[in-house]
Amino acid sequence: IHCTTDGGKTWPRTFWQPENATNAASLFEIRFVSDTEIWACGAQIGRTELPMFLHSVDGGKTWTSEVENIQVGAIAVSLSFPTQAVGFAVIMNSITQSSSIAKYS
């Protein structure tokens, strides 16, 4: 993830996950909940798929991985925040060939 705070003149990297032969990460969506609070979702893809949720409360300068107890094979593909306190994620599972909605509050 790269973030600008100077109108696009510079884009320093604020989050990076190293990749190797058995593990990579993909982000599918980023949602701004406010001017400073941001959520991103995606998946850690490798031998198994695991959902990935990243959270920033300082406008994207720093990120925290928010680990959710969602089954192996799942990826988070979309986010919605109807309020700052409640969010939803669309979860797809390649193993069970199913989808679901996860709620964050």
C-alpha atoms as a PDB file:
ATOM      1  CA  ILE A   1       0.000   0.000   0.000  1.00  0.00           C
ATOM      2  CA  HIS A   2       1.325   3.430  -0.924  1.00  0.00           C
ATOM      3  CA  CYS A   3      -0.102   6.617   0.589  1.00  0.00           C
ATOM      4  CA  THR A   4       0.327  10.266  -0.320  1.00  0.00           C
ATOM      5  CA  THR A   5      -0.008  13.192   2.076  1.00  0.00           C
ATOM      6  CA  ASP A   6       1.351  15.896  -0.237  1.00  0.00           C
ATOM      7  CA  GLY A   7      -1.194  15.941  -3.047  1.00  0.00           C
ATOM      8  CA  GLY A   8       0.452  13.130  -5.020  1.00  0.00           C
ATOM      9  CA  LYS A   9       4.012  14.447  -5.229  1.00  0.00           C
ATOM     10  CA  THR A  10       5.361  11.441  -3.303  1.00  0.00           C
ATOM     11  CA  TRP A  11       3.886   7.998  -2.616  1.00  0.00           C
ATOM     12  CA  PRO A  12       5.812   6.275   0.194  1.00  0.00           C
ATOM     13  CA  ARG A  13       5.040   2.625   0.878  1.00  0.00           C
ATOM     14  CA  THR A  14       3.129   2.303   4.163  1.00  0.00           C
ATOM     15  CA  PHE A  15       2.395  -1.433   4.097  1.00  0.00           C
ATOM     16  CA  TRP A  16       4.197  -4.293   2.449  1.00  0.00           C
ATOM     17  CA  GLN A  17       4.034  -8.024   2.984  1.00  0.00           C
ATOM     18  CA  PRO A  18       7.020 -10.010   1.736  1.00  0.00           C
ATOM     19  CA  GLU A  19       6.231 -12.670  -0.824  1.00  0.00           C
ATOM     20  CA  ASN A  20       7.978 -15.969  -1.346  1.00  0.00           C
ATOM     21  CA  ALA A  21       7.468 -19.085  -3.425  1.00  0.00           C
ATOM     22  CA  THR A  22       4.637 -20.377  -1.222  1.00  0.00           C
ATOM     23  CA  ASN A  23       2.953 -17.199   0.010  1.00  0.00           C
ATOM     24  CA  ALA A  24       1.699 -13.959  -1.534  1.00  0.00           C
ATOM     25  CA  ALA A  25      -0.882 -11.332  -0.658  1.00  0.00           C
ATOM     26  CA  SER A  26      -3.536  -9.647  -2.765  1.00  0.00           C
ATOM     27  CA  LEU A  27      -5.734  -6.720  -1.785  1.00  0.00           C
ATOM     28  CA  PHE A  28      -9.151  -6.463  -3.401  1.00  0.00           C
ATOM     29  CA  GLU A  29     -10.714  -3.368  -1.868  1.00  0.00           C
ATOM     30  CA  ILE A  30      -9.928  -0.318   0.269  1.00  0.00           C
ATOM     31  CA  ARG A  31     -12.656   1.683   2.040  1.00  0.00           C
ATOM     32  CA  PHE A  32     -12.333   5.061   3.714  1.00  0.00           C
ATOM     33  CA  VAL A  33     -14.573   5.131   6.791  1.00  0.00           C
ATOM     34  CA  SER A  34     -13.476   8.694   7.599  1.00  0.00           C
ATOM     35  CA  ASP A  35     -10.610  11.036   6.695  1.00  0.00           C
ATOM     36  CA  THR A  36      -8.297   9.040   8.958  1.00  0.00           C
ATOM     37  CA  GLU A  37      -9.832   5.559   9.278  1.00  0.00           C
ATOM     38  CA  ILE A  38      -9.286   3.126   6.396  1.00  0.00           C
ATOM     39  CA  TRP A  39      -9.959  -0.593   5.937  1.00  0.00           C
ATOM     40  CA  ALA A  40      -8.499  -2.897   3.270  1.00  0.00           C
ATOM     41  CA  CYS A  41      -9.388  -6.499   2.517  1.00  0.00           C
ATOM     42  CA  GLY A  42      -7.954  -9.314   0.474  1.00  0.00           C
ATOM     43  CA  ALA A  43      -6.207 -12.625   0.996  1.00  0.00           C
ATOM     44  CA  GLN A  44      -2.967 -14.295   1.817  1.00  0.00           C
ATOM     45  CA  ILE A  45      -2.589 -16.718  -1.053  1.00  0.00           C
ATOM     46  CA  GLY A  46      -0.260 -19.675  -0.928  1.00  0.00           C
ATOM     47  CA  ARG A  47      -0.680 -23.311  -0.038  1.00  0.00           C
ATOM     48  CA  THR A  48      -3.971 -22.241   1.516  1.00  0.00           C
ATOM     49  CA  GLU A  49      -5.972 -19.045   1.198  1.00  0.00           C
ATOM     50  CA  LEU A  50      -6.644 -16.949   4.281  1.00  0.00           C
ATOM     51  CA  PRO A  51      -8.632 -13.710   4.479  1.00  0.00           C
ATOM     52  CA  MET A  52      -6.701 -10.503   5.109  1.00  0.00           C
ATOM     53  CA  PHE A  53      -8.041  -7.374   6.800  1.00  0.00           C
ATOM     54  CA  LEU A  54      -5.866  -4.288   7.279  1.00  0.00           C
ATOM     55  CA  HIS A  55      -6.873  -1.260   9.364  1.00  0.00           C
ATOM     56  CA  SER A  56      -5.423   2.259   9.557  1.00  0.00           C
ATOM     57  CA  VAL A  57      -6.521   5.000  11.942  1.00  0.00           C
ATOM     58  CA  ASP A  58      -3.982   7.609  10.813  1.00  0.00           C
ATOM     59  CA  GLY A  59      -4.927   8.141   7.186  1.00  0.00           C
ATOM     60  CA  GLY A  60      -2.875   5.209   5.873  1.00  0.00           C
ATOM     61  CA  LYS A  61       0.495   6.080   7.417  1.00  0.00           C
ATOM     62  CA  THR A  62       0.491   2.832   9.423  1.00  0.00           C
ATOM     63  CA  TRP A  63      -1.516  -0.389   9.134  1.00  0.00           C
ATOM     64  CA  THR A  64      -2.560  -3.115  11.563  1.00  0.00           C
ATOM     65  CA  SER A  65      -3.488  -6.618  10.478  1.00  0.00           C
ATOM     66  CA  GLU A  66      -6.884  -7.501  11.914  1.00  0.00           C
ATOM     67  CA  VAL A  67      -7.006 -11.284  12.093  1.00  0.00           C
ATOM     68  CA  GLU A  68     -10.433 -12.814  11.828  1.00  0.00           C
ATOM     69  CA  ASN A  69     -11.352 -16.414  12.619  1.00  0.00           C
ATOM     70  CA  ILE A  70     -12.626 -17.295   9.151  1.00  0.00           C
ATOM     71  CA  GLN A  71     -12.071 -20.710   7.636  1.00  0.00           C
ATOM     72  CA  VAL A  72      -9.141 -21.729   5.454  1.00  0.00           C
ATOM     73  CA  GLY A  73      -9.812 -21.229   1.754  1.00  0.00           C
ATOM     74  CA  ALA A  74     -11.649 -17.955   2.348  1.00  0.00           C
ATOM     75  CA  ILE A  75     -10.804 -14.603   0.803  1.00  0.00           C
ATOM     76  CA  ALA A  76     -12.320 -11.213   1.622  1.00  0.00           C
ATOM     77  CA  VAL A  77     -13.367  -9.592  -1.649  1.00  0.00           C
ATOM     78  CA  SER A  78     -15.474  -6.563  -0.717  1.00  0.00           C
ATOM     79  CA  LEU A  79     -16.132  -4.164   2.183  1.00  0.00           C
ATOM     80  CA  SER A  80     -19.004  -1.939   3.245  1.00  0.00           C
ATOM     81  CA  PHE A  81     -19.208   0.378   6.254  1.00  0.00           C
ATOM     82  CA  PRO A  82     -22.720   1.793   6.690  1.00  0.00           C
ATOM     83  CA  THR A  83     -21.450   3.449   9.902  1.00  0.00           C
ATOM     84  CA  GLN A  84     -18.015   3.939  11.436  1.00  0.00           C
ATOM     85  CA  ALA A  85     -18.822   1.317  14.078  1.00  0.00           C
ATOM     86  CA  VAL A  86     -20.251  -1.424  11.826  1.00  0.00           C
ATOM     87  CA  GLY A  87     -18.731  -2.998   8.755  1.00  0.00           C
ATOM     88  CA  PHE A  88     -19.446  -5.950   6.487  1.00  0.00           C
ATOM     89  CA  ALA A  89     -17.175  -8.058   4.291  1.00  0.00           C
ATOM     90  CA  VAL A  90     -18.098 -10.415   1.479  1.00  0.00           C
ATOM     91  CA  ILE A  91     -16.190 -13.671   1.995  1.00  0.00           C
ATOM     92  CA  MET A  92     -15.723 -16.252  -0.753  1.00  0.00           C
ATOM     93  CA  ASN A  93     -14.421 -19.753  -0.077  1.00  0.00           C
ATOM     94  CA  SER A  94     -12.696 -21.631  -2.893  1.00  0.00           C
ATOM     95  CA  ILE A  95     -12.704 -24.952  -1.017  1.00  0.00           C
ATOM     96  CA  THR A  96     -16.411 -25.108  -0.167  1.00  0.00           C
ATOM     97  CA  GLN A  97     -17.469 -23.097  -3.250  1.00  0.00           C
ATOM     98  CA  SER A  98     -19.583 -20.867  -1.002  1.00  0.00           C
ATOM     99  CA  SER A  99     -19.850 -17.238   0.007  1.00  0.00           C
ATOM    100  CA  SER A 100     -20.930 -15.443   3.143  1.00  0.00           C
ATOM    101  CA  ILE A 101     -21.044 -12.036   4.783  1.00  0.00           C
ATOM    102  CA  ALA A 102     -18.970 -11.278   7.878  1.00  0.00           C
ATOM    103  CA  LYS A 103     -19.898  -8.482  10.268  1.00  0.00           C
ATOM    104  CA  TYR A 104     -17.417  -6.288  12.145  1.00  0.00           C
ATOM    105  CA  SER A 105     -18.558  -4.215  15.120  1.00  0.00           C
END
